[in-house]
N, C-alpha and C. Protein backbone atom coordinates (compact mmCIF):
# COMPACT_ATOMS: atom_id res chain seq x y z
N MET A 1 -17.37 -39.40 -52.97
CA MET A 1 -17.13 -37.98 -52.53
C MET A 1 -18.44 -37.19 -52.69
N LYS A 2 -18.70 -36.45 -51.63
CA LYS A 2 -19.90 -35.59 -51.71
C LYS A 2 -19.50 -34.19 -52.29
N GLN A 3 -20.33 -33.65 -53.11
CA GLN A 3 -20.07 -32.41 -53.73
C GLN A 3 -20.96 -31.32 -53.29
N ASP A 4 -21.93 -31.65 -52.46
CA ASP A 4 -22.85 -30.69 -51.78
C ASP A 4 -22.57 -30.50 -50.40
N SER A 5 -22.74 -29.33 -49.81
CA SER A 5 -22.54 -29.07 -48.38
C SER A 5 -23.59 -28.07 -47.94
N ARG A 6 -24.09 -28.23 -46.81
CA ARG A 6 -24.97 -27.24 -46.21
C ARG A 6 -24.31 -26.29 -45.33
N ILE A 7 -24.13 -25.07 -45.80
CA ILE A 7 -23.47 -23.99 -45.05
C ILE A 7 -24.47 -23.33 -44.03
N THR A 8 -23.98 -23.19 -42.86
CA THR A 8 -24.80 -22.42 -41.83
C THR A 8 -24.13 -21.10 -41.46
N CYS A 9 -24.74 -19.99 -41.67
CA CYS A 9 -24.27 -18.69 -41.42
C CYS A 9 -24.16 -18.56 -39.93
N PRO A 10 -22.93 -18.19 -39.47
CA PRO A 10 -22.80 -17.96 -37.92
C PRO A 10 -23.46 -16.63 -37.42
N LYS A 11 -23.70 -15.74 -38.37
CA LYS A 11 -24.29 -14.46 -37.99
C LYS A 11 -25.88 -14.55 -37.75
N CYS A 12 -26.54 -15.29 -38.76
CA CYS A 12 -28.03 -15.25 -38.62
C CYS A 12 -28.57 -16.60 -38.47
N GLY A 13 -27.72 -17.67 -38.65
CA GLY A 13 -28.27 -19.03 -38.58
C GLY A 13 -28.86 -19.67 -39.83
N GLU A 14 -28.96 -18.85 -40.84
CA GLU A 14 -29.53 -19.34 -42.19
C GLU A 14 -28.67 -20.57 -42.69
N THR A 15 -29.36 -21.58 -43.19
CA THR A 15 -28.62 -22.63 -43.91
C THR A 15 -28.90 -22.64 -45.33
N SER A 16 -27.96 -23.07 -46.13
CA SER A 16 -28.12 -23.06 -47.53
C SER A 16 -27.33 -24.24 -48.08
N SER A 17 -27.98 -25.01 -49.02
CA SER A 17 -27.28 -26.10 -49.69
C SER A 17 -26.47 -25.52 -50.89
N GLU A 18 -25.17 -25.81 -50.91
CA GLU A 18 -24.34 -25.26 -52.03
C GLU A 18 -23.48 -26.46 -52.55
N GLN A 19 -23.25 -26.33 -53.87
CA GLN A 19 -22.30 -27.25 -54.51
C GLN A 19 -20.84 -26.73 -54.37
N MET A 20 -20.01 -27.62 -53.94
CA MET A 20 -18.59 -27.21 -53.75
C MET A 20 -17.81 -27.37 -55.03
N PRO A 21 -16.84 -26.43 -55.26
CA PRO A 21 -15.95 -26.70 -56.44
C PRO A 21 -15.08 -27.83 -56.08
N THR A 22 -14.69 -28.64 -57.11
CA THR A 22 -13.85 -29.76 -56.92
C THR A 22 -12.41 -29.48 -57.16
N ASP A 23 -12.07 -28.31 -57.76
CA ASP A 23 -10.72 -28.08 -58.19
C ASP A 23 -10.15 -26.75 -57.61
N ALA A 24 -10.89 -26.11 -56.69
CA ALA A 24 -10.45 -24.87 -56.06
C ALA A 24 -11.03 -24.66 -54.74
N CYS A 25 -10.44 -23.90 -53.84
CA CYS A 25 -11.04 -23.53 -52.60
C CYS A 25 -11.92 -22.30 -52.77
N GLN A 26 -12.95 -22.26 -51.93
CA GLN A 26 -13.84 -21.10 -51.87
C GLN A 26 -13.58 -20.37 -50.63
N TRP A 27 -13.01 -19.15 -50.76
CA TRP A 27 -12.60 -18.30 -49.66
C TRP A 27 -13.59 -17.40 -49.20
N PHE A 28 -14.55 -17.09 -50.01
CA PHE A 28 -15.61 -16.19 -49.55
C PHE A 28 -17.01 -16.71 -49.89
N TYR A 29 -17.91 -16.52 -49.09
CA TYR A 29 -19.38 -16.90 -49.30
C TYR A 29 -20.21 -15.87 -48.74
N GLU A 30 -21.23 -15.39 -49.62
CA GLU A 30 -22.15 -14.33 -49.02
C GLU A 30 -23.37 -15.03 -48.68
N CYS A 31 -23.84 -14.80 -47.44
CA CYS A 31 -25.04 -15.42 -46.89
C CYS A 31 -26.24 -14.89 -47.76
N PRO A 32 -27.07 -15.70 -48.28
CA PRO A 32 -28.15 -15.22 -49.00
C PRO A 32 -29.25 -14.47 -48.18
N ALA A 33 -29.21 -14.71 -46.85
CA ALA A 33 -30.21 -14.05 -46.02
C ALA A 33 -29.80 -12.70 -45.48
N CYS A 34 -28.68 -12.70 -44.80
CA CYS A 34 -28.21 -11.46 -44.18
C CYS A 34 -27.04 -10.73 -44.95
N LYS A 35 -26.57 -11.32 -46.00
CA LYS A 35 -25.53 -10.75 -46.83
C LYS A 35 -24.18 -10.71 -46.21
N ALA A 36 -24.02 -11.26 -45.00
CA ALA A 36 -22.68 -11.38 -44.35
C ALA A 36 -21.69 -12.14 -45.28
N VAL A 37 -20.39 -11.64 -45.39
CA VAL A 37 -19.47 -12.35 -46.22
C VAL A 37 -18.59 -13.22 -45.21
N LEU A 38 -18.68 -14.51 -45.46
CA LEU A 38 -17.99 -15.43 -44.64
C LEU A 38 -16.61 -15.70 -45.19
N ARG A 39 -15.64 -15.90 -44.33
CA ARG A 39 -14.32 -16.26 -44.70
C ARG A 39 -13.94 -17.51 -43.90
N PRO A 40 -13.01 -18.29 -44.27
CA PRO A 40 -12.55 -19.44 -43.51
C PRO A 40 -12.10 -18.97 -42.08
N LEU A 41 -12.32 -19.94 -41.20
CA LEU A 41 -11.71 -19.71 -39.85
C LEU A 41 -10.27 -20.10 -39.82
N PRO A 42 -9.48 -19.51 -38.93
CA PRO A 42 -8.10 -19.80 -38.85
C PRO A 42 -7.85 -21.34 -38.83
N GLY A 43 -6.97 -21.78 -39.68
CA GLY A 43 -6.64 -23.23 -39.76
C GLY A 43 -7.42 -23.95 -40.82
N ASP A 44 -8.56 -23.34 -41.33
CA ASP A 44 -9.32 -24.03 -42.30
C ASP A 44 -8.97 -23.45 -43.76
N CYS A 45 -9.15 -24.23 -44.79
CA CYS A 45 -8.83 -23.82 -46.15
C CYS A 45 -9.96 -23.16 -46.85
N CYS A 46 -11.11 -23.36 -46.48
CA CYS A 46 -12.23 -22.82 -47.19
C CYS A 46 -13.57 -22.66 -46.35
N VAL A 47 -14.49 -21.91 -46.86
CA VAL A 47 -15.70 -21.73 -46.16
C VAL A 47 -16.44 -23.02 -45.88
N PHE A 48 -16.33 -24.04 -46.77
CA PHE A 48 -17.02 -25.32 -46.50
C PHE A 48 -16.43 -26.09 -45.36
N CYS A 49 -15.14 -26.02 -45.26
CA CYS A 49 -14.54 -26.59 -43.97
C CYS A 49 -14.82 -25.88 -42.66
N SER A 50 -15.08 -24.64 -42.81
CA SER A 50 -15.40 -23.84 -41.64
C SER A 50 -16.92 -23.89 -41.22
N TYR A 51 -17.77 -23.70 -42.24
CA TYR A 51 -19.27 -23.56 -41.95
C TYR A 51 -20.07 -24.58 -42.58
N GLY A 52 -19.54 -25.50 -43.28
CA GLY A 52 -20.36 -26.55 -43.95
C GLY A 52 -20.46 -27.81 -43.14
N ASP A 53 -21.47 -28.61 -43.49
CA ASP A 53 -21.68 -29.91 -42.86
C ASP A 53 -20.80 -31.04 -43.52
N THR A 54 -20.13 -30.69 -44.60
CA THR A 54 -19.26 -31.65 -45.31
C THR A 54 -17.99 -30.89 -45.71
N PRO A 55 -16.78 -31.37 -45.43
CA PRO A 55 -15.53 -30.62 -45.87
C PRO A 55 -15.33 -30.67 -47.32
N CYS A 56 -14.51 -29.84 -47.76
CA CYS A 56 -14.33 -29.67 -49.27
C CYS A 56 -13.76 -31.00 -49.87
N PRO A 57 -13.92 -31.18 -51.15
CA PRO A 57 -13.46 -32.41 -51.87
C PRO A 57 -11.95 -32.68 -51.57
N PRO A 58 -11.00 -31.81 -51.63
CA PRO A 58 -9.62 -32.31 -51.36
C PRO A 58 -9.47 -32.82 -50.04
N VAL A 59 -10.11 -32.31 -48.98
CA VAL A 59 -10.05 -32.80 -47.68
C VAL A 59 -10.68 -34.18 -47.54
N GLN A 60 -11.85 -34.34 -48.23
CA GLN A 60 -12.50 -35.65 -48.31
C GLN A 60 -11.64 -36.76 -48.83
N LEU A 61 -10.85 -36.38 -49.85
CA LEU A 61 -9.98 -37.37 -50.63
C LEU A 61 -8.65 -37.53 -49.87
N GLY A 62 -8.45 -36.95 -48.73
CA GLY A 62 -7.26 -37.07 -48.05
C GLY A 62 -6.09 -36.32 -48.49
N ARG A 63 -6.30 -35.41 -49.36
CA ARG A 63 -5.18 -34.64 -50.01
C ARG A 63 -4.86 -33.37 -49.14
N GLY A 64 -5.57 -33.21 -48.07
CA GLY A 64 -5.34 -32.05 -47.21
C GLY A 64 -6.08 -30.84 -47.84
N CYS A 65 -5.80 -29.59 -47.24
CA CYS A 65 -6.41 -28.42 -47.79
C CYS A 65 -5.98 -28.11 -49.15
N CYS A 66 -6.81 -27.37 -49.81
CA CYS A 66 -6.60 -27.04 -51.20
C CYS A 66 -5.10 -26.33 -51.32
N SER A 67 -4.38 -26.84 -52.14
CA SER A 67 -3.06 -26.32 -52.25
C SER A 67 -2.69 -26.30 -53.74
């Protein structure tokens, strides 16, 4: 299971490598460059599933979205 994901901000295109929590969803993420607050897209459980290059740990383990 990967615990790091590279998030790409849809507003400014900045990418940042972040460590994902293994026991909780992350519903908000502030872009370090433009300060935009990202929220999951409809149908996604967290910002990593929406904007990251790796889905969150529960999805990786086949447990579905954080519940």
